[in-house]
Amino acid sequence: MLPMVMATSELGVFQINSDVNFLQVCDNCTYVNLTSIKFPNSSIEIIDKTMTKSKSTYNYTFSKTESLGDYFYTTCGDPNGIFTCESVSFEITPSGFTGTLGFFILILALSAGVIIFGFSIKDAPVTILGSFGLTFLGLYILFNGFADIRDPIYTWAIGIIILMVASYIGIKSAYELIADSEY
């Protein structure tokens, strides 16, 4: 009977559809195998491949990161001649970052503040400037996703709504600026 020790560590956060390098450091292993991967939907794929060795670091490049959420991969090796396995987690997000909700709220608040300020002083160029901030935020959400939302449909919906609001405010302000300058 072989002893099995299970430890868990974390690899980090990566962007959707990007390659992830699975790493395992073992100074005194003769081998390290990647045995399985658990996907966010709880399905498990048996890999059973030997990881590439470079000095004391073992590496395997994984590219099936189409789903958002937490992944786990399991490696097994023989440190000090004892069969040992370790489970390592990593997260896939739309942008490759976590906890960026504050960034979105800050940009949204600044843009809304500039727009409201532009309306209050009746200055169309300032209002248009605020709509640029919303436009950039909407485009960022469309390209990189929205923080902490794992569903791409909601991400796209939020991004498109922000873009539509920014477009309406910018176009309406520009129209009023042009209409006022004709008289």
C-alpha atoms as a PDB file:
ATOM      1  CA  MET A   1       0.000   0.000   0.000  1.00  0.00           C
ATOM      2  CA  LEU A   2       1.346   3.428  -0.997  1.00  0.00           C
ATOM      3  CA  PRO A   3       0.962   6.367   1.359  1.00  0.00           C
ATOM      4  CA  MET A   4      -0.867   9.341  -0.091  1.00  0.00           C
ATOM      5  CA  VAL A   5      -0.666  12.839   1.272  1.00  0.00           C
ATOM      6  CA  MET A   6      -3.043  15.461  -0.091  1.00  0.00           C
ATOM      7  CA  ALA A   7      -2.141  19.126   0.201  1.00  0.00           C
ATOM      8  CA  THR A   8      -3.806  22.062  -1.516  1.00  0.00           C
ATOM      9  CA  SER A   9      -2.210  25.253  -2.794  1.00  0.00           C
ATOM     10  CA  GLU A  10      -3.226  28.061  -5.150  1.00  0.00           C
ATOM     11  CA  LEU A  11      -1.638  28.953  -8.496  1.00  0.00           C
ATOM     12  CA  GLY A  12      -3.390  32.293  -9.131  1.00  0.00           C
ATOM     13  CA  VAL A  13      -5.923  33.973 -11.414  1.00  0.00           C
ATOM     14  CA  PHE A  14      -5.814  33.834 -15.215  1.00  0.00           C
ATOM     15  CA  GLN A  15      -7.795  35.246 -18.130  1.00  0.00           C
ATOM     16  CA  ILE A  16     -10.315  33.094 -19.977  1.00  0.00           C
ATOM     17  CA  ASN A  17      -8.995  31.245 -23.064  1.00  0.00           C
ATOM     18  CA  SER A  18      -5.357  31.715 -22.037  1.00  0.00           C
ATOM     19  CA  ASP A  19      -2.642  29.124 -21.472  1.00  0.00           C
ATOM     20  CA  VAL A  20      -1.866  28.270 -17.850  1.00  0.00           C
ATOM     21  CA  ASN A  21       1.476  26.798 -16.807  1.00  0.00           C
ATOM     22  CA  PHE A  22       0.995  24.180 -14.132  1.00  0.00           C
ATOM     23  CA  LEU A  23       4.019  24.231 -11.879  1.00  0.00           C
ATOM     24  CA  GLN A  24       5.261  21.842  -9.251  1.00  0.00           C
ATOM     25  CA  VAL A  25       8.558  22.280  -7.398  1.00  0.00           C
ATOM     26  CA  CYS A  26      10.244  19.193  -5.998  1.00  0.00           C
ATOM     27  CA  ASP A  27      13.982  19.113  -5.215  1.00  0.00           C
ATOM     28  CA  ASN A  28      14.234  15.388  -4.678  1.00  0.00           C
ATOM     29  CA  CYS A  29      11.635  13.846  -7.023  1.00  0.00           C
ATOM     30  CA  THR A  30      12.528  11.465  -9.803  1.00  0.00           C
ATOM     31  CA  TYR A  31       9.197  12.218 -11.497  1.00  0.00           C
ATOM     32  CA  VAL A  32       6.056  14.336 -11.189  1.00  0.00           C
ATOM     33  CA  ASN A  33       2.915  13.377 -13.115  1.00  0.00           C
ATOM     34  CA  LEU A  34      -0.137  15.495 -13.834  1.00  0.00           C
ATOM     35  CA  THR A  35      -2.924  13.068 -13.011  1.00  0.00           C
ATOM     36  CA  SER A  36      -6.217  14.947 -13.379  1.00  0.00           C
ATOM     37  CA  ILE A  37      -7.983  18.271 -13.782  1.00  0.00           C
ATOM     38  CA  LYS A  38     -11.287  19.208 -12.196  1.00  0.00           C
ATOM     39  CA  PHE A  39     -13.218  21.836 -14.191  1.00  0.00           C
ATOM     40  CA  PRO A  40     -15.606  24.476 -12.743  1.00  0.00           C
ATOM     41  CA  ASN A  41     -18.621  22.358 -13.737  1.00  0.00           C
ATOM     42  CA  SER A  42     -17.202  19.562 -11.497  1.00  0.00           C
ATOM     43  CA  SER A  43     -16.286  17.307 -14.421  1.00  0.00           C
ATOM     44  CA  ILE A  44     -12.903  15.615 -14.119  1.00  0.00           C
ATOM     45  CA  GLU A  45     -10.492  14.870 -16.939  1.00  0.00           C
ATOM     46  CA  ILE A  46      -7.850  12.220 -16.352  1.00  0.00           C
ATOM     47  CA  ILE A  47      -4.569  13.424 -17.881  1.00  0.00           C
ATOM     48  CA  ASP A  48      -1.869  11.022 -16.548  1.00  0.00           C
ATOM     49  CA  LYS A  49       1.068  12.799 -18.271  1.00  0.00           C
ATOM     50  CA  THR A  50       4.613  13.280 -17.088  1.00  0.00           C
ATOM     51  CA  MET A  51       5.407  16.940 -16.462  1.00  0.00           C
ATOM     52  CA  THR A  52       8.454  18.507 -18.129  1.00  0.00           C
ATOM     53  CA  LYS A  53      11.400  18.879 -15.732  1.00  0.00           C
ATOM     54  CA  SER A  54      13.740  21.883 -15.569  1.00  0.00           C
ATOM     55  CA  LYS A  55      16.105  21.598 -12.577  1.00  0.00           C
ATOM     56  CA  SER A  56      13.703  21.148  -9.648  1.00  0.00           C
ATOM     57  CA  THR A  57      10.617  22.639 -11.326  1.00  0.00           C
ATOM     58  CA  TYR A  58       8.104  20.547 -13.219  1.00  0.00           C
ATOM     59  CA  ASN A  59       5.860  22.202 -15.814  1.00  0.00           C
ATOM     60  CA  TYR A  60       2.815  21.385 -17.940  1.00  0.00           C
ATOM     61  CA  THR A  61       1.029  23.891 -20.218  1.00  0.00           C
ATOM     62  CA  PHE A  62      -2.775  23.687 -20.084  1.00  0.00           C
ATOM     63  CA  SER A  63      -5.003  25.467 -22.599  1.00  0.00           C
ATOM     64  CA  LYS A  64      -8.585  24.288 -21.975  1.00  0.00           C
ATOM     65  CA  THR A  65      -9.658  27.400 -20.071  1.00  0.00           C
ATOM     66  CA  GLU A  66     -12.956  28.169 -21.815  1.00  0.00           C
ATOM     67  CA  SER A  67     -15.055  28.126 -18.625  1.00  0.00           C
ATOM     68  CA  LEU A  68     -15.067  30.725 -15.886  1.00  0.00           C
ATOM     69  CA  GLY A  69     -14.532  29.549 -12.334  1.00  0.00           C
ATOM     70  CA  ASP A  70     -12.252  27.477 -10.128  1.00  0.00           C
ATOM     71  CA  TYR A  71     -10.110  24.680 -11.568  1.00  0.00           C
ATOM     72  CA  PHE A  72      -8.088  22.099  -9.649  1.00  0.00           C
ATOM     73  CA  TYR A  73      -5.234  20.009 -10.973  1.00  0.00           C
ATOM     74  CA  THR A  74      -3.598  17.117  -9.173  1.00  0.00           C
ATOM     75  CA  THR A  75       0.052  16.172  -9.416  1.00  0.00           C
ATOM     76  CA  CYS A  76       1.732  13.091  -7.980  1.00  0.00           C
ATOM     77  CA  GLY A  77       5.431  12.523  -7.436  1.00  0.00           C
ATOM     78  CA  ASP A  78       7.958  10.751  -5.229  1.00  0.00           C
ATOM     79  CA  PRO A  79       9.730  13.181  -2.873  1.00  0.00           C
ATOM     80  CA  ASN A  80      12.196  11.198  -0.736  1.00  0.00           C
ATOM     81  CA  GLY A  81      10.866   8.042  -2.405  1.00  0.00           C
ATOM     82  CA  ILE A  82       7.387   8.499  -0.901  1.00  0.00           C
ATOM     83  CA  PHE A  83       4.412   8.640  -3.278  1.00  0.00           C
ATOM     84  CA  THR A  84       2.740  12.029  -2.652  1.00  0.00           C
ATOM     85  CA  CYS A  85      -0.049  13.903  -4.406  1.00  0.00           C
ATOM     86  CA  GLU A  86      -0.971  17.563  -4.274  1.00  0.00           C
ATOM     87  CA  SER A  87      -4.025  19.427  -5.506  1.00  0.00           C
ATOM     88  CA  VAL A  88      -3.502  22.969  -6.835  1.00  0.00           C
ATOM     89  CA  SER A  89      -6.312  25.417  -7.582  1.00  0.00           C
ATOM     90  CA  PHE A  90      -6.488  28.333  -9.974  1.00  0.00           C
ATOM     91  CA  GLU A  91      -9.253  30.652 -11.096  1.00  0.00           C
ATOM     92  CA  ILE A  92     -10.308  31.746 -14.571  1.00  0.00           C
ATOM     93  CA  THR A  93     -11.969  35.175 -14.812  1.00  0.00           C
ATOM     94  CA  PRO A  94     -12.979  37.309 -17.815  1.00  0.00           C
ATOM     95  CA  SER A  95     -10.162  39.809 -17.280  1.00  0.00           C
ATOM     96  CA  GLY A  96      -7.595  37.732 -15.415  1.00  0.00           C
ATOM     97  CA  PHE A  97      -8.151  39.824 -12.269  1.00  0.00           C
ATOM     98  CA  THR A  98     -10.305  39.404  -9.196  1.00  0.00           C
ATOM     99  CA  GLY A  99     -11.821  42.002  -6.935  1.00  0.00           C
ATOM    100  CA  THR A 100     -11.917  44.736  -9.582  1.00  0.00           C
ATOM    101  CA  LEU A 101     -15.465  45.754  -8.751  1.00  0.00           C
ATOM    102  CA  GLY A 102     -14.130  48.877  -7.020  1.00  0.00           C
ATOM    103  CA  PHE A 103     -12.422  49.931 -10.267  1.00  0.00           C
ATOM    104  CA  PHE A 104     -15.720  49.711 -12.169  1.00  0.00           C
ATOM    105  CA  ILE A 105     -17.611  51.617  -9.491  1.00  0.00           C
ATOM    106  CA  LEU A 106     -14.919  54.318  -9.381  1.00  0.00           C
ATOM    107  CA  ILE A 107     -14.945  54.873 -13.167  1.00  0.00           C
ATOM    108  CA  LEU A 108     -18.750  54.799 -13.235  1.00  0.00           C
ATOM    109  CA  ALA A 109     -18.976  57.309 -10.364  1.00  0.00           C
ATOM    110  CA  LEU A 110     -16.379  59.642 -11.908  1.00  0.00           C
ATOM    111  CA  SER A 111     -18.068  59.551 -15.307  1.00  0.00           C
ATOM    112  CA  ALA A 112     -21.515  60.093 -13.810  1.00  0.00           C
ATOM    113  CA  GLY A 113     -20.144  62.938 -11.691  1.00  0.00           C
ATOM    114  CA  VAL A 114     -18.660  64.682 -14.742  1.00  0.00           C
ATOM    115  CA  ILE A 115     -21.913  64.205 -16.670  1.00  0.00           C
ATOM    116  CA  ILE A 116     -24.014  65.601 -13.809  1.00  0.00           C
ATOM    117  CA  PHE A 117     -21.584  68.496 -13.386  1.00  0.00           C
ATOM    118  CA  GLY A 118     -21.815  69.201 -17.137  1.00  0.00           C
ATOM    119  CA  PHE A 119     -25.617  69.230 -16.970  1.00  0.00           C
ATOM    120  CA  SER A 120     -25.644  71.478 -13.891  1.00  0.00           C
ATOM    121  CA  ILE A 121     -23.427  74.133 -15.466  1.00  0.00           C
ATOM    122  CA  LYS A 122     -25.102  73.622 -18.863  1.00  0.00           C
ATOM    123  CA  ASP A 123     -21.773  72.896 -20.548  1.00  0.00           C
ATOM    124  CA  ALA A 124     -22.171  70.326 -23.332  1.00  0.00           C
ATOM    125  CA  PRO A 125     -18.422  69.653 -23.852  1.00  0.00           C
ATOM    126  CA  VAL A 126     -18.043  68.668 -20.173  1.00  0.00           C
ATOM    127  CA  THR A 127     -21.060  66.375 -20.490  1.00  0.00           C
ATOM    128  CA  ILE A 128     -19.581  64.814 -23.631  1.00  0.00           C
ATOM    129  CA  LEU A 129     -16.309  64.282 -21.756  1.00  0.00           C
ATOM    130  CA  GLY A 130     -18.211  62.364 -19.063  1.00  0.00           C
ATOM    131  CA  SER A 131     -19.860  60.229 -21.740  1.00  0.00           C
ATOM    132  CA  PHE A 132     -16.365  59.294 -23.019  1.00  0.00           C
ATOM    133  CA  GLY A 133     -15.622  57.806 -19.595  1.00  0.00           C
ATOM    134  CA  LEU A 134     -18.789  55.707 -19.804  1.00  0.00           C
ATOM    135  CA  THR A 135     -17.904  54.659 -23.354  1.00  0.00           C
ATOM    136  CA  PHE A 136     -14.465  53.468 -22.286  1.00  0.00           C
ATOM    137  CA  LEU A 137     -15.971  51.619 -19.312  1.00  0.00           C
ATOM    138  CA  GLY A 138     -18.536  49.897 -21.563  1.00  0.00           C
ATOM    139  CA  LEU A 139     -15.837  48.856 -24.036  1.00  0.00           C
ATOM    140  CA  TYR A 140     -13.619  47.564 -21.221  1.00  0.00           C
ATOM    141  CA  ILE A 141     -16.492  45.471 -19.898  1.00  0.00           C
ATOM    142  CA  LEU A 142     -17.218  44.056 -23.376  1.00  0.00           C
ATOM    143  CA  PHE A 143     -13.576  43.113 -23.999  1.00  0.00           C
ATOM    144  CA  ASN A 144     -12.489  41.998 -20.507  1.00  0.00           C
ATOM    145  CA  GLY A 145     -15.662  41.145 -18.664  1.00  0.00           C
ATOM    146  CA  PHE A 146     -17.219  42.520 -15.529  1.00  0.00           C
ATOM    147  CA  ALA A 147     -15.715  41.744 -12.141  1.00  0.00           C
ATOM    148  CA  ASP A 148     -17.224  38.896 -10.147  1.00  0.00           C
ATOM    149  CA  ILE A 149     -19.863  38.041 -12.772  1.00  0.00           C
ATOM    150  CA  ARG A 150     -19.216  34.630 -14.258  1.00  0.00           C
ATOM    151  CA  ASP A 151     -21.959  34.690 -16.873  1.00  0.00           C
ATOM    152  CA  PRO A 152     -20.837  36.200 -20.200  1.00  0.00           C
ATOM    153  CA  ILE A 153     -24.439  37.058 -21.153  1.00  0.00           C
ATOM    154  CA  TYR A 154     -24.821  39.394 -18.161  1.00  0.00           C
ATOM    155  CA  THR A 155     -21.357  40.813 -18.817  1.00  0.00           C
ATOM    156  CA  TRP A 156     -22.238  41.666 -22.418  1.00  0.00           C
ATOM    157  CA  ALA A 157     -25.643  43.033 -21.389  1.00  0.00           C
ATOM    158  CA  ILE A 158     -24.096  45.365 -18.807  1.00  0.00           C
ATOM    159  CA  GLY A 159     -21.418  46.494 -21.272  1.00  0.00           C
ATOM    160  CA  ILE A 160     -23.918  47.187 -24.058  1.00  0.00           C
ATOM    161  CA  ILE A 161     -26.292  49.057 -21.735  1.00  0.00           C
ATOM    162  CA  ILE A 162     -23.455  51.281 -20.506  1.00  0.00           C
ATOM    163  CA  LEU A 163     -22.391  51.914 -24.114  1.00  0.00           C
ATOM    164  CA  MET A 164     -25.961  52.814 -25.122  1.00  0.00           C
ATOM    165  CA  VAL A 165     -26.360  55.239 -22.212  1.00  0.00           C
ATOM    166  CA  ALA A 166     -22.981  56.824 -23.002  1.00  0.00           C
ATOM    167  CA  SER A 167     -23.881  57.107 -26.684  1.00  0.00           C
ATOM    168  CA  TYR A 168     -27.249  58.698 -25.933  1.00  0.00           C
ATOM    169  CA  ILE A 169     -25.784  61.255 -23.524  1.00  0.00           C
ATOM    170  CA  GLY A 170     -22.853  62.078 -25.817  1.00  0.00           C
ATOM    171  CA  ILE A 171     -24.928  62.357 -28.994  1.00  0.00           C
ATOM    172  CA  LYS A 172     -27.725  64.332 -27.281  1.00  0.00           C
ATOM    173  CA  SER A 173     -25.210  66.755 -25.752  1.00  0.00           C
ATOM    174  CA  ALA A 174     -23.393  67.203 -29.055  1.00  0.00           C
ATOM    175  CA  TYR A 175     -26.711  67.792 -30.849  1.00  0.00           C
ATOM    176  CA  GLU A 176     -27.729  70.424 -28.310  1.00  0.00           C
ATOM    177  CA  LEU A 177     -24.293  72.071 -28.635  1.00  0.00           C
ATOM    178  CA  ILE A 178     -24.667  72.223 -32.424  1.00  0.00           C
ATOM    179  CA  ALA A 179     -28.319  73.350 -32.263  1.00  0.00           C
ATOM    180  CA  ASP A 180     -27.495  76.139 -29.779  1.00  0.00           C
ATOM    181  CA  SER A 181     -24.571  77.431 -31.848  1.00  0.00           C
ATOM    182  CA  GLU A 182     -26.725  77.932 -34.986  1.00  0.00           C
ATOM    183  CA  TYR A 183     -28.805  80.738 -33.493  1.00  0.00           C
END
